[in-house]
Amino acid sequence: MRIAVVGPAFPYKGGGAHHTTELAHRLGAAGHTVVIESWRAQYPGFLYPGQQTISDPEGEPFAGTRHRLDWRRPDGWWRTGRGLGSYDLVVLAVLSPVQVPSYLGILAGLGRRAPVVALCHNVLPHERKPYDRPLMKALLGRVNGILVHSDEQAGLARGLTARPVRVAEMPAHLPSPAPSAGSDGLAAPASAPAPGPARDGGTARRLLFFGMVRPYKGLDVLLRALAAGPEDVSLTVAGEFWGGLDETRALIGELGLAGRVELRPGYVPAAEVPELFAAADALVLPYRAATASQNVWMAYEHGVPVIATSVGGFAGQVRDGVDGLICEPDDVASLTGALTRFYAPGEPERLRAAVDRVDHGPVWTTYLETLLAGTDSGPAVTAGVRRS
């Protein structure tokens, strides 16, 4: 098949760009002819307050990537759509309703000359604006099918459109600091980031909160639980703040945590990730809401257990009491209890010893099969990861 994937790619950063690129590599390795239609200017700065692009690729860039889309040029959206008419499938990577106007422009240029699947990372944002629902309803009503990453997201999509909705677990697409292609033509394996420095044994009495900081991710809940939990445990917070940095610093001071919390605001390059995980006893994901996250898999690739809330897919990724702990969302007492249980004598070592690297090959196989299964309605298709 000739397949066009429309979405962010290097030099854009983050999970969306990693997923688009890995998807293109996997489709190409499966024998399809693939192109990525990406952006030279994706968003105006006021809509994305963080760092949008990076100078060094995190993984192997996809050779068939064109950067012709520009949020300032609606005529270019239409021209891109016209140019995709000869493809057998067009995949729109939907990360935010902000993309919808450009995608509608592409669909206007494309017409009915090729089937279109909306690959929705989130059907609706966790932190919603009044325009999100009507924009997504407009987009999902104009495509041939929708692919989402959880049953919950499928329910949201079906509430916006009568078009067929399919479900497949999101496979790993982890950043890698040193791009290199394997003999099979794939990018450097997304499931194998560089390991961090070896641990000498014992515990560091340090936890890690990693990734973009937004209210729905519950950092404030973690800080309150840290203050109420074991007194000798510290925390590193590494990631971009979408607002709230001053408020976070104020809360740290109010809770008396100034000597126990290290803030590292800003984007974390892939080359610095292994050392962060190597210094931590556990990754903590205190989310109030979630869809699918790569952070659990990233922790496991670095041999680090996970303490997470029961939202989204975390309860399916983390084996409670085996390689991590699950607690209730937006519940300081529940998270405090999890931190206390984690630091019981011998528990960090036991949980760390049970962490396995995960074989994501079967998940990617099912993911591609589901994406390419056509736009007819059918039962949801899901697959579980296989642990080594």
Protein backbone atom coordinates (compact mmCIF):
# COMPACT_ATOMS: atom_id res chain seq x y z
CA MET A 1 0.00 0.00 0.00
CA ARG A 2 0.97 3.63 -0.48
CA ILE A 3 0.39 5.30 2.89
CA ALA A 4 0.71 8.95 3.90
CA VAL A 5 1.02 9.76 7.60
CA VAL A 6 0.27 13.38 8.47
CA GLY A 7 1.71 14.48 11.80
CA PRO A 8 4.67 15.90 13.70
CA ALA A 9 8.18 14.55 13.08
CA PHE A 10 11.73 15.70 13.82
CA PRO A 11 12.72 18.48 14.47
CA TYR A 12 9.52 18.47 16.54
CA LYS A 13 9.96 16.71 19.85
CA GLY A 14 7.92 14.60 22.22
CA GLY A 15 5.77 11.51 22.12
CA GLY A 16 3.67 12.54 19.13
CA ALA A 17 6.71 13.03 16.91
CA HIS A 18 8.30 9.80 18.17
CA HIS A 19 5.09 7.86 17.46
CA THR A 20 4.62 9.29 13.96
CA THR A 21 8.21 8.46 13.06
CA GLU A 22 8.19 4.95 14.54
CA LEU A 23 4.87 4.23 12.83
CA ALA A 24 6.33 5.23 9.47
CA HIS A 25 9.41 3.05 10.04
CA ARG A 26 7.25 0.07 11.02
CA LEU A 27 4.92 0.47 8.05
CA GLY A 28 7.91 0.73 5.73
CA ALA A 29 9.49 -2.39 7.21
CA ALA A 30 6.19 -4.21 6.62
CA GLY A 31 6.54 -3.54 2.88
CA HIS A 32 4.45 -0.41 2.43
CA THR A 33 5.50 2.76 0.62
CA VAL A 34 5.27 5.50 3.23
CA VAL A 35 5.62 9.26 3.38
CA ILE A 36 5.27 11.60 6.37
CA GLU A 37 3.67 14.97 5.69
CA SER A 38 4.92 17.09 8.56
CA TRP A 39 5.26 20.73 9.55
CA ARG A 40 7.70 23.52 9.10
CA ALA A 41 5.56 25.60 11.52
CA GLN A 42 3.02 23.63 13.55
CA TYR A 43 1.51 25.98 16.14
CA PRO A 44 1.65 29.67 17.02
CA GLY A 45 3.70 30.12 20.17
CA PHE A 46 0.78 31.19 22.37
CA LEU A 47 -0.91 27.81 21.81
CA TYR A 48 2.18 25.80 22.80
CA PRO A 49 4.12 27.51 25.60
CA GLY A 50 6.83 24.83 25.71
CA GLN A 51 9.81 24.19 23.48
CA GLN A 52 8.51 22.92 20.13
CA THR A 53 11.64 21.71 18.33
CA ILE A 54 15.04 20.18 19.10
CA SER A 55 18.34 20.30 17.26
CA ASP A 56 19.39 16.65 17.60
CA PRO A 57 17.10 13.77 16.60
CA GLU A 58 15.94 11.36 19.30
CA GLY A 59 15.86 8.20 17.25
CA GLU A 60 16.29 7.66 13.53
CA PRO A 61 14.45 10.30 11.44
CA PHE A 62 12.28 8.88 8.68
CA ALA A 63 13.85 9.57 5.30
CA GLY A 64 10.51 10.03 3.53
CA THR A 65 9.50 13.09 5.56
CA ARG A 66 8.33 16.32 3.91
CA HIS A 67 8.00 19.52 5.92
CA ARG A 68 5.52 21.55 3.88
CA LEU A 69 2.68 22.27 6.27
CA ASP A 70 2.48 25.67 7.95
CA TRP A 71 -0.23 26.89 10.31
CA ARG A 72 0.00 30.31 8.64
CA ARG A 73 -0.75 28.94 5.13
CA PRO A 74 -4.25 27.44 4.75
CA ASP A 75 -3.67 27.27 0.99
CA GLY A 76 -0.83 24.84 1.71
CA TRP A 77 -3.21 22.59 3.68
CA TRP A 78 -5.46 22.28 0.63
CA ARG A 79 -2.52 21.68 -1.73
CA THR A 80 -1.19 18.95 0.54
CA GLY A 81 -4.57 17.23 0.45
CA ARG A 82 -4.67 17.44 -3.34
CA GLY A 83 -1.28 15.78 -3.49
CA LEU A 84 -2.41 12.82 -1.38
CA GLY A 85 -5.15 11.69 -3.74
CA SER A 86 -3.07 8.89 -5.24
CA TYR A 87 -2.39 7.20 -1.87
CA ASP A 88 -4.20 4.09 -0.68
CA LEU A 89 -4.52 5.39 2.87
CA VAL A 90 -4.05 8.71 4.65
CA VAL A 91 -3.46 8.65 8.42
CA LEU A 92 -4.01 11.85 10.39
CA ALA A 93 -2.12 11.84 13.71
CA VAL A 94 -4.44 13.79 16.01
CA LEU A 95 -2.81 15.08 19.18
CA SER A 96 -4.89 18.20 19.82
CA PRO A 97 -8.06 19.89 18.55
CA VAL A 98 -5.79 22.78 17.56
CA GLN A 99 -4.77 20.65 14.56
CA VAL A 100 -8.34 20.30 13.30
CA PRO A 101 -8.53 23.40 11.05
CA SER A 102 -5.44 22.30 9.12
CA TYR A 103 -6.72 18.73 8.89
CA LEU A 104 -10.07 19.95 7.58
CA GLY A 105 -8.15 21.91 4.94
CA ILE A 106 -6.25 18.76 3.96
CA LEU A 107 -9.50 16.79 3.76
CA ALA A 108 -11.04 19.50 1.56
CA GLY A 109 -8.15 19.17 -0.88
CA LEU A 110 -8.22 15.38 -0.75
CA GLY A 111 -11.94 15.00 -1.32
CA ARG A 112 -13.02 11.35 -1.54
CA ARG A 113 -10.01 10.12 -3.48
CA ALA A 114 -8.39 8.19 -0.60
CA PRO A 115 -9.65 6.69 2.67
CA VAL A 116 -8.63 8.56 5.83
CA VAL A 117 -8.10 7.27 9.36
CA ALA A 118 -7.88 9.68 12.30
CA LEU A 119 -5.31 8.23 14.70
CA CYS A 120 -6.32 9.91 17.95
CA HIS A 121 -3.77 10.09 20.75
CA ASN A 122 -6.50 11.84 22.75
CA VAL A 123 -10.01 12.26 21.41
CA LEU A 124 -10.50 15.20 23.76
CA PRO A 125 -7.83 16.91 25.89
CA HIS A 126 -7.59 16.25 29.62
CA GLU A 127 -7.86 20.00 30.17
CA ARG A 128 -10.64 21.07 27.84
CA LYS A 129 -11.63 24.31 26.16
CA PRO A 130 -15.14 25.14 24.88
CA TYR A 131 -14.06 24.69 21.25
CA ASP A 132 -12.49 21.23 21.67
CA ARG A 133 -15.65 19.16 21.30
CA PRO A 134 -17.11 20.90 18.21
CA LEU A 135 -13.73 20.83 16.46
CA MET A 136 -13.23 17.12 17.08
CA LYS A 137 -16.81 16.36 16.09
CA ALA A 138 -16.24 18.17 12.80
CA LEU A 139 -13.06 16.19 12.09
CA LEU A 140 -14.29 12.74 13.13
CA GLY A 141 -17.43 13.15 11.05
CA ARG A 142 -15.34 13.63 7.91
CA VAL A 143 -12.94 10.67 8.10
CA ASN A 144 -13.55 7.04 7.17
CA GLY A 145 -12.43 5.55 10.46
CA ILE A 146 -10.89 6.31 13.83
CA LEU A 147 -8.15 4.49 15.75
CA VAL A 148 -7.85 5.10 19.50
CA HIS A 149 -5.76 3.60 22.29
CA SER A 150 -8.29 2.62 24.96
CA ASP A 151 -11.91 1.61 25.38
CA GLU A 152 -12.53 4.86 27.26
CA GLN A 153 -11.29 6.87 24.29
CA ALA A 154 -13.42 4.75 21.97
CA GLY A 155 -16.47 5.75 24.00
CA LEU A 156 -15.58 9.42 23.64
CA ALA A 157 -15.11 9.03 19.88
CA ARG A 158 -18.41 7.18 19.44
CA GLY A 159 -20.10 10.06 21.24
CA LEU A 160 -18.86 12.41 18.51
CA THR A 161 -19.30 10.37 15.33
CA ALA A 162 -21.05 7.39 13.79
CA ARG A 163 -17.90 6.48 11.87
CA PRO A 164 -16.28 3.14 12.80
CA VAL A 165 -13.92 3.27 15.77
CA ARG A 166 -11.19 0.71 16.41
CA VAL A 167 -9.06 0.20 19.50
CA ALA A 168 -5.43 -0.90 19.72
CA GLU A 169 -3.00 -0.57 22.58
CA MET A 170 -0.39 2.10 21.94
CA PRO A 171 2.99 0.39 21.46
CA ALA A 172 6.32 1.74 22.63
CA HIS A 173 7.98 4.58 20.76
CA LEU A 174 10.68 5.60 23.20
CA PRO A 175 13.32 8.26 22.50
CA SER A 176 16.85 7.15 21.73
CA PRO A 177 19.81 9.54 22.00
CA ALA A 178 21.89 7.93 19.26
CA PRO A 179 20.06 7.30 15.95
CA SER A 180 21.15 4.24 14.04
CA ALA A 181 19.28 2.00 11.66
CA GLY A 182 19.20 -1.75 12.11
CA SER A 183 19.74 -4.30 9.40
CA ASP A 184 16.00 -4.58 8.90
CA GLY A 185 15.71 -0.89 8.06
CA LEU A 186 13.87 -0.03 11.25
CA ALA A 187 14.86 2.83 13.48
CA ALA A 188 17.06 2.00 16.44
CA PRO A 189 14.73 -0.11 18.59
CA ALA A 190 12.31 2.11 20.44
CA SER A 191 12.26 -0.41 23.25
CA ALA A 192 15.98 -0.15 23.90
CA PRO A 193 17.11 3.28 25.11
CA ALA A 194 20.62 3.56 26.45
CA PRO A 195 20.90 2.15 29.97
CA GLY A 196 21.87 4.44 32.81
CA PRO A 197 24.84 4.07 35.11
CA ALA A 198 24.87 0.81 37.06
CA ARG A 199 23.41 0.90 40.57
CA ASP A 200 25.62 -0.22 43.46
CA GLY A 201 22.65 -1.83 45.20
CA GLY A 202 20.46 -0.49 47.99
CA THR A 203 18.18 2.48 47.61
CA ALA A 204 18.79 6.10 46.72
CA ARG A 205 15.79 7.30 48.75
CA ARG A 206 14.90 9.39 45.71
CA LEU A 207 11.82 9.36 43.47
CA LEU A 208 11.37 10.75 39.97
CA PHE A 209 8.53 12.72 38.37
CA PHE A 210 9.34 12.90 34.68
CA GLY A 211 7.79 14.67 31.70
CA MET A 212 5.70 17.69 30.91
CA VAL A 213 4.12 19.21 34.03
CA ARG A 214 0.44 20.02 33.65
CA PRO A 215 -2.34 20.11 36.27
CA TYR A 216 -3.88 16.76 35.26
CA LYS A 217 -0.57 15.00 35.99
CA GLY A 218 -0.98 15.60 39.72
CA LEU A 219 2.44 16.87 40.78
CA ASP A 220 0.76 18.82 43.59
CA VAL A 221 -0.72 15.57 44.92
CA LEU A 222 2.72 13.96 44.88
CA LEU A 223 4.29 16.87 46.75
CA ARG A 224 1.65 16.65 49.48
CA ALA A 225 2.11 12.88 49.71
CA LEU A 226 5.89 13.32 49.88
CA ALA A 227 5.47 15.71 52.82
CA ALA A 228 3.24 13.20 54.62
CA GLY A 229 5.31 10.11 53.78
CA PRO A 230 8.78 8.88 54.74
CA GLU A 231 10.77 11.90 55.87
CA ASP A 232 14.10 10.96 54.29
CA VAL A 233 12.82 10.51 50.73
CA SER A 234 13.58 13.17 48.11
CA LEU A 235 12.12 13.88 44.67
CA THR A 236 13.44 15.04 41.33
CA VAL A 237 10.95 16.80 39.03
CA ALA A 238 12.32 16.89 35.48
CA GLY A 239 10.30 18.31 32.60
CA GLU A 240 8.71 21.34 31.00
CA PHE A 241 6.21 23.32 33.04
CA TRP A 242 3.17 24.54 31.14
CA GLY A 243 2.62 27.25 33.70
CA GLY A 244 2.49 26.77 37.44
CA LEU A 245 6.25 26.80 38.14
CA ASP A 246 6.01 29.64 40.64
CA GLU A 247 2.99 28.01 42.29
CA THR A 248 4.93 24.74 42.54
CA ARG A 249 7.87 26.47 44.18
CA ALA A 250 5.49 28.13 46.61
CA LEU A 251 3.85 24.80 47.48
CA ILE A 252 7.27 23.20 48.04
CA GLY A 253 8.12 25.99 50.49
CA GLU A 254 4.73 25.79 52.20
CA LEU A 255 5.15 22.02 52.73
CA GLY A 256 8.70 22.39 54.06
CA LEU A 257 10.16 20.39 51.18
CA ALA A 258 12.78 22.87 49.95
CA GLY A 259 15.64 20.57 50.89
CA ARG A 260 13.99 17.44 49.48
CA VAL A 261 12.69 18.46 46.03
CA GLU A 262 14.94 19.20 43.06
CA LEU A 263 13.24 21.04 40.22
CA ARG A 264 14.74 20.66 36.75
CA PRO A 265 12.33 22.69 34.59
CA GLY A 266 12.75 22.43 30.83
CA TYR A 267 12.82 19.78 28.17
CA VAL A 268 14.99 16.77 29.02
CA PRO A 269 17.11 15.62 26.03
CA ALA A 270 17.15 11.87 25.45
CA ALA A 271 20.87 11.69 26.28
CA GLU A 272 20.14 12.87 29.84
CA VAL A 273 17.27 10.46 30.52
CA PRO A 274 19.28 7.35 31.56
CA GLU A 275 21.08 9.16 34.35
CA LEU A 276 17.80 10.51 35.73
CA PHE A 277 16.28 7.05 35.95
CA ALA A 278 19.48 5.52 37.32
CA ALA A 279 19.36 7.93 40.26
CA ALA A 280 15.76 7.05 41.19
CA ASP A 281 14.24 4.21 43.18
CA ALA A 282 10.92 4.58 41.36
CA LEU A 283 9.10 6.68 38.79
CA VAL A 284 5.91 8.22 40.19
CA LEU A 285 2.93 8.92 37.91
CA PRO A 286 0.35 10.64 40.17
CA TYR A 287 -1.98 11.49 37.27
CA ARG A 288 -5.54 12.63 37.81
CA ALA A 289 -6.39 11.49 34.27
CA ALA A 290 -4.55 9.66 31.51
CA THR A 291 -5.02 7.92 28.19
CA ALA A 292 -1.78 6.17 27.23
CA SER A 293 1.70 7.02 28.44
CA GLN A 294 5.15 5.86 27.41
CA ASN A 295 6.61 6.65 30.81
CA VAL A 296 5.86 3.25 32.34
CA TRP A 297 7.69 1.49 29.51
CA MET A 298 10.53 3.99 29.75
CA ALA A 299 10.95 3.24 33.44
CA TYR A 300 10.95 -0.49 32.83
CA GLU A 301 13.53 -0.19 30.07
CA HIS A 302 15.78 1.43 32.68
CA GLY A 303 14.99 -1.20 35.31
CA VAL A 304 12.98 1.16 37.52
CA PRO A 305 9.66 0.23 39.20
CA VAL A 306 6.63 2.52 38.91
CA ILE A 307 4.17 3.98 41.40
CA ALA A 308 1.09 5.08 39.46
CA THR A 309 -2.57 5.90 39.88
CA SER A 310 -5.28 3.66 38.48
CA VAL A 311 -6.23 5.97 35.58
CA GLY A 312 -5.87 5.27 31.87
CA GLY A 313 -3.82 2.19 31.06
CA PHE A 314 -1.52 2.30 34.10
CA ALA A 315 -3.24 -0.54 35.92
CA GLY A 316 -2.67 -2.74 32.88
CA GLN A 317 0.98 -1.75 32.51
CA VAL A 318 2.05 -1.88 36.17
CA ARG A 319 1.74 -5.22 37.96
CA ASP A 320 0.59 -4.02 41.36
CA GLY A 321 2.85 -5.43 44.07
CA VAL A 322 5.13 -7.06 41.48
CA ASP A 323 7.02 -4.36 39.57
CA GLY A 324 5.28 -1.33 41.01
CA LEU A 325 2.34 -0.09 43.05
CA ILE A 326 -1.08 1.27 42.08
CA CYS A 327 -2.98 3.87 44.11
CA GLU A 328 -6.09 6.00 43.71
CA PRO A 329 -6.00 9.22 41.64
CA ASP A 330 -6.21 12.68 43.21
CA ASP A 331 -5.96 11.08 46.67
CA VAL A 332 -3.09 12.29 48.86
CA ALA A 333 -3.70 9.63 51.51
CA SER A 334 -3.68 6.80 48.96
CA LEU A 335 -0.44 8.00 47.37
CA THR A 336 1.14 8.56 50.79
CA GLY A 337 0.27 4.97 51.64
CA ALA A 338 1.86 3.77 48.39
CA LEU A 339 5.08 5.67 49.13
CA THR A 340 5.16 4.23 52.64
CA ARG A 341 4.60 0.69 51.33
CA PHE A 342 7.25 1.16 48.69
CA TYR A 343 9.90 2.11 51.26
CA ALA A 344 9.17 -0.79 53.61
CA PRO A 345 12.43 -2.67 54.31
CA GLY A 346 13.54 -4.62 51.25
CA GLU A 347 10.56 -3.54 49.12
CA PRO A 348 12.36 -1.24 46.64
CA GLU A 349 14.89 -3.99 45.90
CA ARG A 350 12.18 -6.64 45.52
CA LEU A 351 10.12 -4.55 43.10
CA ARG A 352 13.19 -3.52 41.11
CA ALA A 353 14.26 -7.16 40.76
CA ALA A 354 10.88 -8.01 39.20
CA VAL A 355 11.05 -5.31 36.52
CA ASP A 356 11.31 -6.93 33.08
CA ARG A 357 12.05 -5.42 29.73
CA VAL A 358 9.02 -5.68 27.52
CA ASP A 359 8.76 -7.14 24.03
CA HIS A 360 6.65 -4.64 22.11
CA GLY A 361 6.94 -6.44 18.78
CA PRO A 362 3.58 -8.23 19.11
CA VAL A 363 1.89 -4.96 20.10
CA TRP A 364 3.25 -3.20 17.03
CA THR A 365 2.12 -6.10 14.82
CA THR A 366 -1.43 -5.89 16.14
CA TYR A 367 -1.37 -2.11 15.98
CA LEU A 368 -0.51 -2.11 12.27
CA GLU A 369 -3.09 -4.83 11.56
CA THR A 370 -5.76 -2.77 13.30
CA LEU A 371 -4.78 0.43 11.52
CA LEU A 372 -4.83 -1.26 8.12
CA ALA A 373 -7.90 -3.39 8.73
CA GLY A 374 -10.06 -1.01 6.73
CA THR A 375 -12.67 1.46 7.80
CA ASP A 376 -15.49 -1.01 8.21
CA SER A 377 -16.84 -1.46 11.72
CA GLY A 378 -15.69 -4.43 13.69
CA PRO A 379 -14.73 -5.67 17.13
CA ALA A 380 -11.99 -3.92 19.03
CA VAL A 381 -8.59 -5.50 18.62
CA THR A 382 -6.13 -5.31 21.47
CA ALA A 383 -2.91 -7.03 22.39
CA GLY A 384 -0.86 -7.22 25.53
CA VAL A 385 2.85 -6.71 25.81
CA ARG A 386 5.12 -9.69 26.25
CA ARG A 387 7.67 -9.50 29.05
CA SER A 388 11.08 -11.04 28.75
